[in-house]
């Protein structure tokens, strides 16, 4: 059992410093050297892992100590890094920023400590010179359990600017492992929820990742960074890699002809948010997982017994989704016939009667619309009643991230009771449907996938 995967955590003092550019560029640059690189992202974000996957040719995976619990961070990391030469973990927000009111929980620093990984600090140096030494010293000394192994200076303006920054950092004891100049060509477009996902701009995203790799390879000491990663040692705690099979125990027994139930999972540009472990858990529980694209496919996969519609941007594609009337009608018939349906955030909007005035599937007697208000944050939730995903009283942690509003916000049988930050109920449970704004990570409660697949067999 390998537990000593060479690894680096790419962090920053704050959001907007260039973590994604540097982390993705490092992944691609190491991959170009012939290394099998395992890509990871701290926190619940779905979009950055898509760019990581382009850079490495491997599935981008999340490490979230809030959603999954600290005890699963190392096992999930080892699962993703199995067979790899090196792992790069992109942080979230500032190095020490975690779940609100929860101390270090789910911060990049917390995950780095759980992995025993050295941290490379990406500093936006565009508006400072000698002050960079005070900033780096503060971050390096704040928590003695966090090892800052080096600094990459980003957005450096000139040779003279670089000279001043290096002079200031000479006495800090933290080596400069890279200097990146301002480069607009590596910018990626953003909109109301962050970067535009890879699924919506694949050719442009490939070019952007290539530019990131070129810039990082030109400006960073890849040999020193690789040596830092290889010096990380064993992952603390003696954990074994997480596996979907062990988490799901035994697959549910086949009935009739022994064929596994088909679980259709929405994908494509409108529904690009998913955690890889969800489909792995469904398959381990005995399902045949088939992906379809609601923007283009007019029929559900043949033999669909259950439906999973995760997150994404249906608000951007409301016209196209609405125009696909045959699929909307088939989904409504499936749901109203009692088949298991799990819908998160974008999936919730798609099941509503309408979205921004355009007809959707009409499974839920609710309407959805875009707003200016951002709803964002971790949530502590409890299942209000029994559903295809969870028994009443099941506790899960989740994450909300949207600029839409569903009215009403909860059905006669809500999906979840939220305990924090404000007590309220939300979501809908009706027949086999479980629809909610809450994004959850099923690895934290593998019984969710087993329960869903069993309902697919018996509904």
Protein backbone atom coordinates (compact mmCIF):
# COMPACT_ATOMS: atom_id res chain seq x y z
CA UNK A 1 0.00 0.00 0.00
CA UNK A 2 1.61 3.25 -1.18
CA UNK A 3 1.18 6.20 1.20
CA UNK A 4 4.21 8.32 0.24
CA UNK A 5 2.98 10.04 -2.91
CA UNK A 6 5.18 13.06 -3.70
CA UNK A 7 2.94 16.09 -3.26
CA UNK A 8 2.64 19.87 -3.14
CA UNK A 9 -0.11 22.20 -1.99
CA UNK A 10 -0.40 25.44 -3.95
CA UNK A 11 -1.79 28.19 -1.71
CA UNK A 12 -1.97 31.99 -1.56
CA UNK A 13 -2.51 34.80 0.94
CA UNK A 14 -5.91 35.56 -0.63
CA UNK A 15 -8.20 34.78 -3.52
CA UNK A 16 -7.19 36.32 -6.83
CA UNK A 17 -3.46 35.80 -6.31
CA UNK A 18 -3.11 33.32 -9.16
CA UNK A 19 -3.46 29.91 -7.47
CA UNK A 20 -5.44 28.35 -10.31
CA UNK A 21 -3.03 29.58 -12.98
CA UNK A 22 0.01 28.32 -11.06
CA UNK A 23 -1.50 25.03 -9.89
CA UNK A 24 -2.90 24.17 -13.32
CA UNK A 25 0.30 25.26 -15.02
CA UNK A 26 2.39 23.13 -12.65
CA UNK A 27 0.18 20.11 -13.28
CA UNK A 28 0.50 20.51 -17.04
CA UNK A 29 4.24 21.25 -16.90
CA UNK A 30 4.95 18.16 -14.79
CA UNK A 31 2.72 16.07 -17.05
CA UNK A 32 4.70 17.33 -20.06
CA UNK A 33 7.79 15.90 -18.37
CA UNK A 34 6.21 12.47 -18.54
CA UNK A 35 5.01 12.33 -14.94
CA UNK A 36 1.61 10.90 -14.03
CA UNK A 37 0.16 13.84 -12.08
CA UNK A 38 -2.77 13.53 -9.69
CA UNK A 39 -4.84 16.75 -9.56
CA UNK A 40 -6.73 17.85 -6.45
CA UNK A 41 -8.67 20.90 -5.25
CA UNK A 42 -9.29 21.96 -1.66
CA UNK A 43 -12.93 22.81 -1.00
CA UNK A 44 -16.22 22.21 -2.81
CA UNK A 45 -15.41 23.96 -6.10
CA UNK A 46 -16.42 22.04 -9.25
CA UNK A 47 -14.90 24.28 -11.91
CA UNK A 48 -11.16 24.29 -11.19
CA UNK A 49 -10.97 20.46 -11.26
CA UNK A 50 -12.13 20.59 -14.88
CA UNK A 51 -9.06 22.62 -15.81
CA UNK A 52 -6.90 20.29 -13.70
CA UNK A 53 -8.24 17.32 -15.66
CA UNK A 54 -7.28 19.00 -18.94
CA UNK A 55 -3.78 19.62 -17.59
CA UNK A 56 -3.17 16.06 -16.42
CA UNK A 57 -5.46 13.75 -18.34
CA UNK A 58 -6.78 12.46 -15.01
CA UNK A 59 -9.97 13.15 -13.07
CA UNK A 60 -9.78 16.28 -10.92
CA UNK A 61 -10.84 15.48 -7.35
CA UNK A 62 -11.90 17.57 -4.36
CA UNK A 63 -10.56 17.39 -0.82
CA UNK A 64 -13.07 19.00 1.54
CA UNK A 65 -12.65 18.51 5.27
CA UNK A 66 -16.06 20.07 5.95
CA UNK A 67 -18.16 18.06 3.50
CA UNK A 68 -16.39 14.74 4.07
CA UNK A 69 -14.80 15.18 7.49
CA UNK A 70 -11.06 15.47 8.20
CA UNK A 71 -10.77 11.69 8.53
CA UNK A 72 -11.56 11.16 4.82
CA UNK A 73 -9.16 13.75 3.38
CA UNK A 74 -6.10 11.49 3.30
CA UNK A 75 -7.97 8.35 2.12
CA UNK A 76 -9.65 10.30 -0.71
CA UNK A 77 -6.32 11.84 -1.66
CA UNK A 78 -4.65 8.42 -1.79
CA UNK A 79 -7.55 7.07 -3.88
CA UNK A 80 -7.11 9.82 -6.46
CA UNK A 81 -3.31 9.61 -6.43
CA UNK A 82 -3.15 5.84 -6.85
CA UNK A 83 -0.55 4.98 -9.49
CA UNK A 84 0.69 8.57 -9.86
CA UNK A 85 4.23 9.94 -9.70
CA UNK A 86 3.28 13.25 -8.09
CA UNK A 87 0.22 15.11 -6.80
CA UNK A 88 -0.56 18.82 -6.94
CA UNK A 89 -3.28 20.17 -4.64
CA UNK A 90 -4.75 23.61 -5.39
CA UNK A 91 -5.88 25.46 -2.29
CA UNK A 92 -8.98 27.55 -1.67
CA UNK A 93 -9.23 31.26 -0.75
CA UNK A 94 -6.37 32.37 1.51
CA UNK A 95 -4.12 29.75 3.10
CA UNK A 96 -5.71 29.98 6.54
CA UNK A 97 -9.31 30.71 5.48
CA UNK A 98 -11.69 27.89 6.41
CA UNK A 99 -15.36 27.30 7.10
CA UNK A 100 -16.88 30.39 8.71
CA UNK A 101 -16.83 30.18 12.49
CA UNK A 102 -15.06 26.80 12.45
CA UNK A 103 -11.44 27.85 12.95
CA UNK A 104 -9.06 26.13 10.56
CA UNK A 105 -11.60 23.50 9.45
CA UNK A 106 -11.54 22.96 5.67
CA UNK A 107 -8.86 25.60 5.10
CA UNK A 108 -5.95 24.93 2.78
CA UNK A 109 -3.66 24.92 5.82
CA UNK A 110 -5.85 22.28 7.49
CA UNK A 111 -5.74 20.02 4.41
CA UNK A 112 -1.98 20.54 4.02
CA UNK A 113 -1.48 19.37 7.61
CA UNK A 114 -3.78 16.36 7.12
CA UNK A 115 -1.70 15.39 4.08
CA UNK A 116 1.67 16.30 5.59
CA UNK A 117 2.32 18.26 2.39
CA UNK A 118 4.66 21.22 1.84
CA UNK A 119 2.99 24.45 0.76
CA UNK A 120 4.06 26.64 -2.15
CA UNK A 121 2.77 30.17 -1.55
CA UNK A 122 1.70 32.13 -4.64
CA UNK A 123 2.04 35.86 -3.94
CA UNK A 124 0.56 38.59 -6.11
CA UNK A 125 3.56 40.93 -6.11
CA UNK A 126 2.10 43.49 -8.50
CA UNK A 127 1.81 46.29 -5.92
CA UNK A 128 4.66 45.64 -3.50
CA UNK A 129 8.41 45.22 -3.22
CA UNK A 130 10.12 44.96 0.20
CA UNK A 131 6.80 44.38 1.98
CA UNK A 132 6.65 40.95 0.38
CA UNK A 133 9.14 39.72 3.00
CA UNK A 134 6.85 40.72 5.88
CA UNK A 135 3.88 39.06 4.20
CA UNK A 136 5.73 35.78 3.57
CA UNK A 137 7.25 35.79 7.06
CA UNK A 138 3.79 36.20 8.59
CA UNK A 139 2.30 33.33 6.64
CA UNK A 140 5.31 31.08 7.28
CA UNK A 141 5.33 31.69 11.04
CA UNK A 142 1.58 31.78 11.77
CA UNK A 143 1.20 28.03 12.23
CA UNK A 144 4.42 26.07 12.87
CA UNK A 145 2.69 22.87 11.68
CA UNK A 146 2.31 24.34 8.20
CA UNK A 147 5.51 24.12 6.19
CA UNK A 148 5.93 26.86 3.59
CA UNK A 149 8.41 25.21 1.25
CA UNK A 150 8.76 28.05 -1.21
CA UNK A 151 7.25 31.11 -2.85
CA UNK A 152 6.17 31.77 -6.42
CA UNK A 153 5.98 35.48 -7.18
CA UNK A 154 3.15 36.28 -9.58
CA UNK A 155 2.39 39.34 -11.71
CA UNK A 156 5.94 40.69 -11.50
CA UNK A 157 6.29 43.80 -13.63
CA UNK A 158 9.96 43.95 -14.68
CA UNK A 159 13.49 42.70 -14.11
CA UNK A 160 14.06 45.49 -11.58
CA UNK A 161 10.85 44.60 -9.76
CA UNK A 162 11.97 40.97 -9.58
CA UNK A 163 15.36 42.04 -8.22
CA UNK A 164 13.76 44.06 -5.42
CA UNK A 165 11.45 41.20 -4.47
CA UNK A 166 14.28 38.65 -4.38
CA UNK A 167 16.45 40.94 -2.26
CA UNK A 168 13.64 41.39 0.24
CA UNK A 169 13.05 37.64 0.48
CA UNK A 170 16.72 36.67 0.82
CA UNK A 171 16.59 36.86 4.62
CA UNK A 172 13.18 35.23 5.00
CA UNK A 173 14.43 31.66 4.83
CA UNK A 174 11.73 30.83 2.26
CA UNK A 175 13.18 30.18 -1.20
CA UNK A 176 11.79 31.78 -4.34
CA UNK A 177 10.83 28.87 -6.59
CA UNK A 178 9.34 30.87 -9.42
CA UNK A 179 8.71 34.32 -10.86
CA UNK A 180 5.83 34.86 -13.27
CA UNK A 181 5.31 38.01 -15.29
CA UNK A 182 1.93 39.49 -16.06
CA UNK A 183 0.41 37.51 -18.94
CA UNK A 184 -3.12 38.20 -20.15
CA UNK A 185 -3.14 35.15 -22.42
CA UNK A 186 -3.52 32.79 -19.46
CA UNK A 187 -6.59 34.57 -18.15
CA UNK A 188 -9.80 32.56 -18.20
CA UNK A 189 -13.22 34.20 -18.51
CA UNK A 190 -15.50 34.46 -15.49
CA UNK A 191 -19.17 35.11 -14.89
CA UNK A 192 -21.65 35.04 -11.99
CA UNK A 193 -20.32 31.89 -10.26
CA UNK A 194 -16.63 32.08 -11.16
CA UNK A 195 -14.64 30.70 -14.09
CA UNK A 196 -16.49 29.47 -17.16
CA UNK A 197 -16.30 25.64 -16.98
CA UNK A 198 -14.16 23.62 -19.37
CA UNK A 199 -17.27 21.88 -20.73
CA UNK A 200 -18.45 25.19 -22.22
CA UNK A 201 -15.18 26.29 -23.86
CA UNK A 202 -13.11 23.19 -24.38
CA UNK A 203 -10.89 24.33 -27.27
CA UNK A 204 -10.25 27.72 -25.66
CA UNK A 205 -9.64 26.00 -22.32
CA UNK A 206 -7.05 23.69 -23.90
CA UNK A 207 -5.23 26.75 -25.25
CA UNK A 208 -5.41 28.48 -21.85
CA UNK A 209 -4.01 25.44 -20.04
CA UNK A 210 -1.22 25.19 -22.60
CA UNK A 211 -0.37 28.85 -22.01
CA UNK A 212 -0.36 28.29 -18.24
CA UNK A 213 2.01 25.35 -18.63
CA UNK A 214 4.35 27.34 -20.85
CA UNK A 215 4.42 30.29 -18.47
CA UNK A 216 5.02 28.13 -15.40
CA UNK A 217 7.70 26.02 -17.09
CA UNK A 218 9.48 29.19 -18.19
CA UNK A 219 9.21 31.02 -14.87
CA UNK A 220 9.46 28.29 -12.22
CA UNK A 221 12.22 25.98 -11.03
CA UNK A 222 10.46 22.71 -11.80
CA UNK A 223 13.39 20.64 -10.54
CA UNK A 224 13.27 22.35 -7.14
CA UNK A 225 9.49 22.04 -6.97
CA UNK A 226 9.64 18.35 -7.81
CA UNK A 227 12.35 17.83 -5.18
CA UNK A 228 10.17 19.60 -2.61
CA UNK A 229 7.27 17.31 -3.48
CA UNK A 230 9.43 14.19 -3.25
CA UNK A 231 10.60 15.18 0.21
CA UNK A 232 7.07 15.11 1.64
CA UNK A 233 7.37 11.58 3.06
CA UNK A 234 4.47 9.34 4.01
CA UNK A 235 0.96 10.74 4.42
CA UNK A 236 0.34 10.96 8.18
CA UNK A 237 -2.07 8.65 9.98
CA UNK A 238 -1.38 5.38 8.22
CA UNK A 239 -4.60 5.63 6.21
CA UNK A 240 -5.49 3.23 3.43
CA UNK A 241 -6.82 4.65 0.15
CA UNK A 242 -10.58 5.15 0.02
CA UNK A 243 -12.38 2.77 -2.31
CA UNK A 244 -15.99 2.99 -3.51
CA UNK A 245 -16.36 -0.78 -3.20
CA UNK A 246 -15.42 -0.90 0.48
CA UNK A 247 -17.52 2.19 1.20
CA UNK A 248 -20.56 0.71 -0.52
CA UNK A 249 -20.04 -2.76 0.99
CA UNK A 250 -21.67 -5.30 -1.33
CA UNK A 251 -23.62 -4.27 -4.45
CA UNK A 252 -27.34 -4.68 -4.17
CA UNK A 253 -28.51 -8.01 -5.56
CA UNK A 254 -29.70 -8.20 -9.12
CA UNK A 255 -33.29 -9.14 -9.82
CA UNK A 256 -34.84 -10.92 -12.78
CA UNK A 257 -32.30 -11.29 -15.54
CA UNK A 258 -29.47 -9.99 -13.35
CA UNK A 259 -29.02 -6.75 -15.29
CA UNK A 260 -27.92 -3.80 -13.14
CA UNK A 261 -30.36 -0.86 -12.94
CA UNK A 262 -29.50 1.96 -15.32
CA UNK A 263 -28.88 5.26 -13.53
CA UNK A 264 -28.87 8.18 -15.97
CA UNK A 265 -26.56 11.04 -14.92
CA UNK A 266 -27.00 14.45 -16.56
CA UNK A 267 -23.85 15.97 -18.05
CA UNK A 268 -22.80 18.35 -20.78
CA UNK A 269 -22.40 22.10 -20.63
CA UNK A 270 -25.53 22.80 -18.55
CA UNK A 271 -24.81 20.17 -15.88
CA UNK A 272 -21.04 20.02 -15.50
CA UNK A 273 -20.81 20.00 -11.68
CA UNK A 274 -20.21 16.58 -10.19
CA UNK A 275 -17.87 14.75 -7.85
CA UNK A 276 -16.26 11.70 -9.43
CA UNK A 277 -16.89 9.65 -6.30
CA UNK A 278 -20.67 9.84 -6.82
CA UNK A 279 -20.66 7.81 -10.02
CA UNK A 280 -18.02 5.50 -8.55
CA UNK A 281 -20.27 4.84 -5.56
CA UNK A 282 -23.31 4.26 -7.77
CA UNK A 283 -21.37 1.75 -9.85
CA UNK A 284 -20.00 0.04 -6.74
CA UNK A 285 -23.55 -0.25 -5.40
CA UNK A 286 -24.52 -2.19 -8.52
CA UNK A 287 -25.77 0.42 -10.99
CA UNK A 288 -24.94 0.86 -14.65
CA UNK A 289 -24.15 4.56 -14.84
CA UNK A 290 -24.90 6.20 -18.20
CA UNK A 291 -24.27 9.89 -18.89
CA UNK A 292 -26.56 11.94 -21.13
CA UNK A 293 -26.70 15.60 -22.20
CA UNK A 294 -30.05 17.37 -21.67
CA UNK A 295 -29.04 20.03 -24.19
CA UNK A 296 -28.84 17.54 -27.05
CA UNK A 297 -30.32 14.16 -26.14
CA UNK A 298 -34.07 13.94 -26.68
CA UNK A 299 -34.39 10.63 -24.84
CA UNK A 300 -33.12 9.27 -21.55
CA UNK A 301 -30.72 6.32 -21.85
CA UNK A 302 -32.45 3.06 -22.68
CA UNK A 303 -33.86 1.34 -19.61
CA UNK A 304 -33.36 4.29 -17.23
CA UNK A 305 -34.47 3.28 -13.74
CA UNK A 306 -33.15 6.31 -11.86
CA UNK A 307 -31.97 9.82 -12.63
CA UNK A 308 -29.25 12.04 -11.11
CA UNK A 309 -29.14 15.71 -12.14
CA UNK A 310 -26.32 17.57 -10.43
CA UNK A 311 -25.11 21.14 -10.51
CA UNK A 312 -24.21 23.46 -13.34
CA UNK A 313 -25.61 26.41 -15.25
CA UNK A 314 -29.16 25.75 -16.47
CA UNK A 315 -29.80 29.50 -16.18
CA UNK A 316 -27.28 30.07 -18.99
CA UNK A 317 -28.91 27.42 -21.18
CA UNK A 318 -32.54 27.88 -20.17
CA UNK A 319 -33.65 28.47 -23.76
CA UNK A 320 -32.01 25.30 -25.10
CA UNK A 321 -33.18 23.18 -22.18
CA UNK A 322 -36.71 24.43 -22.60
CA UNK A 323 -36.62 23.76 -26.34
CA UNK A 324 -35.82 20.10 -25.73
CA UNK A 325 -39.45 19.30 -25.02
CA UNK A 326 -39.28 15.53 -25.68
CA UNK A 327 -36.67 15.05 -22.96
CA UNK A 328 -38.49 17.33 -20.50
CA UNK A 329 -41.65 15.29 -20.95
CA UNK A 330 -39.83 11.98 -20.54
CA UNK A 331 -38.17 13.17 -17.32
CA UNK A 332 -41.54 14.32 -15.99
CA UNK A 333 -43.07 10.92 -16.79
CA UNK A 334 -40.17 9.11 -15.12
CA UNK A 335 -40.43 11.22 -11.96
CA UNK A 336 -44.22 11.16 -11.76
CA UNK A 337 -44.07 7.38 -12.19
CA UNK A 338 -42.17 7.15 -8.90
CA UNK A 339 -38.65 6.45 -10.22
CA UNK A 340 -35.79 7.67 -7.98
CA UNK A 341 -34.59 11.13 -8.98
CA UNK A 342 -31.80 13.02 -7.18
CA UNK A 343 -31.43 16.68 -8.14
CA UNK A 344 -28.94 19.18 -6.73
CA UNK A 345 -29.03 22.94 -7.34
CA UNK A 346 -29.08 23.08 -11.16
CA UNK A 347 -31.07 19.85 -11.11
CA UNK A 348 -33.57 21.49 -8.76
CA UNK A 349 -34.05 24.37 -11.22
CA UNK A 350 -34.48 21.95 -14.13
CA UNK A 351 -37.26 20.07 -12.33
CA UNK A 352 -39.21 23.28 -11.62
CA UNK A 353 -42.23 24.39 -13.59
CA UNK A 354 -40.24 27.19 -15.20
CA UNK A 355 -36.86 28.96 -15.07
CA UNK A 356 -36.78 32.66 -15.89
CA UNK A 357 -40.18 32.26 -17.55
CA UNK A 358 -39.16 29.32 -19.75
CA UNK A 359 -40.86 25.94 -19.28
CA UNK A 360 -38.76 23.27 -17.57
CA UNK A 361 -39.68 19.70 -16.61
CA UNK A 362 -42.63 20.64 -14.38
CA UNK A 363 -41.94 17.89 -11.84
CA UNK A 364 -42.03 20.41 -8.97
CA UNK A 365 -44.78 22.97 -8.44
CA UNK A 366 -42.23 25.77 -8.15
CA UNK A 367 -40.66 28.50 -10.28
CA UNK A 368 -37.03 29.56 -10.47
CA UNK A 369 -35.37 32.79 -11.52
CA UNK A 370 -32.01 34.52 -11.55
CA UNK A 371 -31.30 37.14 -8.88
CA UNK A 372 -28.47 39.52 -8.02
CA UNK A 373 -27.97 37.91 -4.62
CA UNK A 374 -25.23 35.32 -4.15
CA UNK A 375 -26.06 32.49 -1.75
CA UNK A 376 -22.81 30.87 -0.67
CA UNK A 377 -21.63 28.79 2.24
CA UNK A 378 -21.37 25.49 4.02
CA UNK A 379 -24.50 24.04 5.62
CA UNK A 380 -25.12 21.50 8.36
CA UNK A 381 -28.23 19.56 7.33
CA UNK A 382 -30.54 16.84 8.58
CA UNK A 383 -32.99 14.83 6.47
CA UNK A 384 -36.49 15.94 7.47
CA UNK A 385 -38.15 12.70 6.31
CA UNK A 386 -37.42 9.51 4.43
CA UNK A 387 -36.38 9.84 0.79
CA UNK A 388 -34.61 7.90 -1.94
CA UNK A 389 -31.32 9.33 -0.66
CA UNK A 390 -31.58 9.22 3.12
CA UNK A 391 -33.64 8.06 6.06
CA UNK A 392 -35.22 10.67 8.29
CA UNK A 393 -32.68 12.04 10.73
CA UNK A 394 -29.64 11.40 8.54
CA UNK A 395 -27.14 14.21 9.02
CA UNK A 396 -25.01 15.45 6.15
CA UNK A 397 -22.94 18.51 5.48
CA UNK A 398 -23.38 20.40 2.26
CA UNK A 399 -22.62 23.56 0.33
CA UNK A 400 -24.83 26.17 -1.32
CA UNK A 401 -23.57 28.26 -4.25
CA UNK A 402 -26.08 29.99 -6.52
CA UNK A 403 -27.59 33.28 -7.70
CA UNK A 404 -31.07 31.92 -8.26
CA UNK A 405 -34.25 31.75 -6.23
CA UNK A 406 -36.82 28.96 -6.18
CA UNK A 407 -40.34 29.84 -4.99
CA UNK A 408 -41.50 28.23 -2.79
CA UNK A 409 -38.16 27.25 -1.28
CA UNK A 410 -39.52 24.03 0.18
CA UNK A 411 -42.31 21.60 -0.57
CA UNK A 412 -44.88 20.08 1.76
CA UNK A 413 -42.21 17.48 2.51
CA UNK A 414 -38.86 19.35 2.58
CA UNK A 415 -35.59 17.65 1.72
CA UNK A 416 -33.41 19.12 4.45
CA UNK A 417 -33.58 21.01 7.67
CA UNK A 418 -30.59 23.36 7.74
CA UNK A 419 -29.04 23.96 11.14
CA UNK A 420 -26.54 26.63 10.14
CA UNK A 421 -26.10 29.50 9.55
CA UNK A 422 -29.88 29.99 9.93
CA UNK A 423 -32.47 27.36 10.82
CA UNK A 424 -34.79 26.70 7.89
CA UNK A 425 -36.13 23.90 5.73
CA UNK A 426 -35.49 23.68 2.01
CA UNK A 427 -35.93 21.41 -0.97
CA UNK A 428 -38.56 18.93 -2.05
CA UNK A 429 -39.30 15.25 -1.42
CA UNK A 430 -42.21 13.82 -3.39
CA UNK A 431 -42.66 10.25 -4.57
CA UNK A 432 -39.15 9.24 -5.68
CA UNK A 433 -37.84 12.78 -6.10
CA UNK A 434 -35.25 14.39 -3.82
CA UNK A 435 -34.51 17.94 -5.05
CA UNK A 436 -32.48 20.53 -3.17
CA UNK A 437 -30.07 23.42 -3.53
CA UNK A 438 -27.62 21.59 -1.28
CA UNK A 439 -24.51 20.08 -2.87
CA UNK A 440 -23.37 17.07 -0.85
CA UNK A 441 -20.42 14.69 -1.14
CA UNK A 442 -21.67 11.12 -1.02
CA UNK A 443 -18.33 9.71 0.14
CA UNK A 444 -19.20 11.14 3.56
CA UNK A 445 -22.36 8.99 3.68
CA UNK A 446 -21.97 6.08 1.22
CA UNK A 447 -25.36 4.74 2.29
CA UNK A 448 -26.83 7.42 0.00
CA UNK A 449 -25.66 5.62 -3.15
CA UNK A 450 -26.65 2.17 -1.83
CA UNK A 451 -30.12 3.42 -0.89
CA UNK A 452 -30.61 5.14 -4.26
CA UNK A 453 -29.59 2.07 -6.28
CA UNK A 454 -31.78 -0.21 -4.18
CA UNK A 455 -34.76 2.08 -4.84
CA UNK A 456 -33.92 1.94 -8.56
CA UNK A 457 -34.25 -1.83 -8.37
CA UNK A 458 -37.54 -1.87 -6.51
CA UNK A 459 -39.42 1.17 -7.86
